Amino acid sequence: MKQQQIFQVDLTKIDGVGDFPCPSCGQIISPDDESGATYEIVDVKMKNDQLDKLVIVCNKCKSLIHIRGFETLEQYEDR
């Protein structure tokens, strides 16, 4: 049985507005995708009433991805 891979993604280190490839299989993960077709949210961590960390599982390769850096998205939305 293949062990589930775990990755860290920091949104402050990527270009654009939040889209990034899965570090394992390359599937594009987009915050605009609300269909649940490419990823599933498995955990949400809040800090001071703001999103701190999101844990998702890629539906293509089943890797766990821990996402941080949401303050960048909030600054982008304020523009």
C-alpha atoms as a PDB file:
ATOM      1  CA  MET A   1       0.000   0.000   0.000  1.00  0.00           C
ATOM      2  CA  LYS A   2       1.369   3.398  -1.022  1.00  0.00           C
ATOM      3  CA  GLN A   3       1.864   5.882   1.821  1.00  0.00           C
ATOM      4  CA  GLN A   4      -0.016   9.184   1.482  1.00  0.00           C
ATOM      5  CA  GLN A   5       2.327  12.058   0.639  1.00  0.00           C
ATOM      6  CA  ILE A   6       2.141  15.328   2.580  1.00  0.00           C
ATOM      7  CA  PHE A   7       3.166  18.699   1.133  1.00  0.00           C
ATOM      8  CA  GLN A   8       3.325  22.320   2.305  1.00  0.00           C
ATOM      9  CA  VAL A   9       2.296  25.209   0.018  1.00  0.00           C
ATOM     10  CA  ASP A  10       2.858  28.845   0.978  1.00  0.00           C
ATOM     11  CA  LEU A  11       0.667  31.125  -1.136  1.00  0.00           C
ATOM     12  CA  THR A  12       3.040  34.039  -0.492  1.00  0.00           C
ATOM     13  CA  LYS A  13       5.682  32.168  -2.529  1.00  0.00           C
ATOM     14  CA  ILE A  14       3.624  31.614  -5.692  1.00  0.00           C
ATOM     15  CA  ASP A  15       2.697  33.993  -8.506  1.00  0.00           C
ATOM     16  CA  GLY A  16      -0.916  34.796  -9.294  1.00  0.00           C
ATOM     17  CA  VAL A  17      -4.039  34.795  -7.168  1.00  0.00           C
ATOM     18  CA  GLY A  18      -3.939  31.388  -5.538  1.00  0.00           C
ATOM     19  CA  ASP A  19      -3.817  28.770  -8.311  1.00  0.00           C
ATOM     20  CA  PHE A  20      -0.974  26.265  -7.946  1.00  0.00           C
ATOM     21  CA  PRO A  21      -0.109  22.781  -9.191  1.00  0.00           C
ATOM     22  CA  CYS A  22      -0.343  19.828  -6.823  1.00  0.00           C
ATOM     23  CA  PRO A  23       3.265  19.228  -5.731  1.00  0.00           C
ATOM     24  CA  SER A  24       2.857  15.506  -6.446  1.00  0.00           C
ATOM     25  CA  CYS A  25       0.857  15.108  -9.674  1.00  0.00           C
ATOM     26  CA  GLY A  26       0.631  18.611 -11.166  1.00  0.00           C
ATOM     27  CA  GLN A  27      -3.193  18.865 -11.004  1.00  0.00           C
ATOM     28  CA  ILE A  28      -4.065  22.589 -10.912  1.00  0.00           C
ATOM     29  CA  ILE A  29      -5.614  23.534  -7.563  1.00  0.00           C
ATOM     30  CA  SER A  30      -7.681  26.706  -7.764  1.00  0.00           C
ATOM     31  CA  PRO A  31      -9.489  28.548  -4.953  1.00  0.00           C
ATOM     32  CA  ASP A  32     -12.175  29.380  -7.531  1.00  0.00           C
ATOM     33  CA  ASP A  33     -13.025  25.684  -8.021  1.00  0.00           C
ATOM     34  CA  GLU A  34     -16.041  25.075  -5.794  1.00  0.00           C
ATOM     35  CA  SER A  35     -17.083  21.865  -7.565  1.00  0.00           C
ATOM     36  CA  GLY A  36     -15.001  19.521  -5.416  1.00  0.00           C
ATOM     37  CA  ALA A  37     -13.683  17.878  -8.576  1.00  0.00           C
ATOM     38  CA  THR A  38      -9.977  18.573  -8.006  1.00  0.00           C
ATOM     39  CA  TYR A  39      -9.637  18.724  -4.231  1.00  0.00           C
ATOM     40  CA  GLU A  40     -11.475  18.211  -0.948  1.00  0.00           C
ATOM     41  CA  ILE A  41     -11.038  20.354   2.174  1.00  0.00           C
ATOM     42  CA  VAL A  42     -10.243  18.136   5.157  1.00  0.00           C
ATOM     43  CA  ASP A  43      -9.269  20.699   7.824  1.00  0.00           C
ATOM     44  CA  VAL A  44      -9.483  24.457   8.425  1.00  0.00           C
ATOM     45  CA  LYS A  45      -7.421  26.317  11.033  1.00  0.00           C
ATOM     46  CA  MET A  46      -8.404  29.821  12.094  1.00  0.00           C
ATOM     47  CA  LYS A  47      -6.253  32.346  13.956  1.00  0.00           C
ATOM     48  CA  ASN A  48      -7.742  35.587  15.305  1.00  0.00           C
ATOM     49  CA  ASP A  49     -10.888  35.134  13.181  1.00  0.00           C
ATOM     50  CA  GLN A  50      -8.820  34.792   9.983  1.00  0.00           C
ATOM     51  CA  LEU A  51      -7.974  31.750   7.904  1.00  0.00           C
ATOM     52  CA  ASP A  52      -4.512  30.519   8.954  1.00  0.00           C
ATOM     53  CA  LYS A  53      -4.166  27.086   7.357  1.00  0.00           C
ATOM     54  CA  LEU A  54      -6.197  24.913   5.046  1.00  0.00           C
ATOM     55  CA  VAL A  55      -5.572  21.196   4.605  1.00  0.00           C
ATOM     56  CA  ILE A  56      -6.830  19.662   1.381  1.00  0.00           C
ATOM     57  CA  VAL A  57      -6.507  16.317  -0.363  1.00  0.00           C
ATOM     58  CA  CYS A  58      -5.846  16.232  -4.107  1.00  0.00           C
ATOM     59  CA  ASN A  59      -8.543  14.077  -5.714  1.00  0.00           C
ATOM     60  CA  LYS A  60      -6.170  12.907  -8.456  1.00  0.00           C
ATOM     61  CA  CYS A  61      -3.230  11.548  -6.394  1.00  0.00           C
ATOM     62  CA  LYS A  62      -4.678  11.663  -2.835  1.00  0.00           C
ATOM     63  CA  SER A  63      -1.765  13.753  -1.471  1.00  0.00           C
ATOM     64  CA  LEU A  64      -2.414  15.947   1.567  1.00  0.00           C
ATOM     65  CA  ILE A  65      -1.556  19.602   0.993  1.00  0.00           C
ATOM     66  CA  HIS A  66      -1.190  22.063   3.886  1.00  0.00           C
ATOM     67  CA  ILE A  67      -1.774  25.595   2.551  1.00  0.00           C
ATOM     68  CA  ARG A  68      -0.647  28.792   4.293  1.00  0.00           C
ATOM     69  CA  GLY A  69      -0.259  32.432   3.263  1.00  0.00           C
ATOM     70  CA  PHE A  70      -3.887  33.497   3.018  1.00  0.00           C
ATOM     71  CA  GLU A  71      -3.079  37.056   4.088  1.00  0.00           C
ATOM     72  CA  THR A  72      -1.795  37.600   0.535  1.00  0.00           C
ATOM     73  CA  LEU A  73      -5.191  36.703  -0.921  1.00  0.00           C
ATOM     74  CA  GLU A  74      -6.947  39.065   1.482  1.00  0.00           C
ATOM     75  CA  GLN A  75      -4.632  41.933   0.447  1.00  0.00           C
ATOM     76  CA  TYR A  76      -5.294  41.130  -3.223  1.00  0.00           C
ATOM     77  CA  GLU A  77      -9.073  41.183  -2.704  1.00  0.00           C
ATOM     78  CA  ASP A  78      -8.878  44.601  -1.017  1.00  0.00           C
ATOM     79  CA  ARG A  79      -7.493  46.207  -4.201  1.00  0.00           C
END
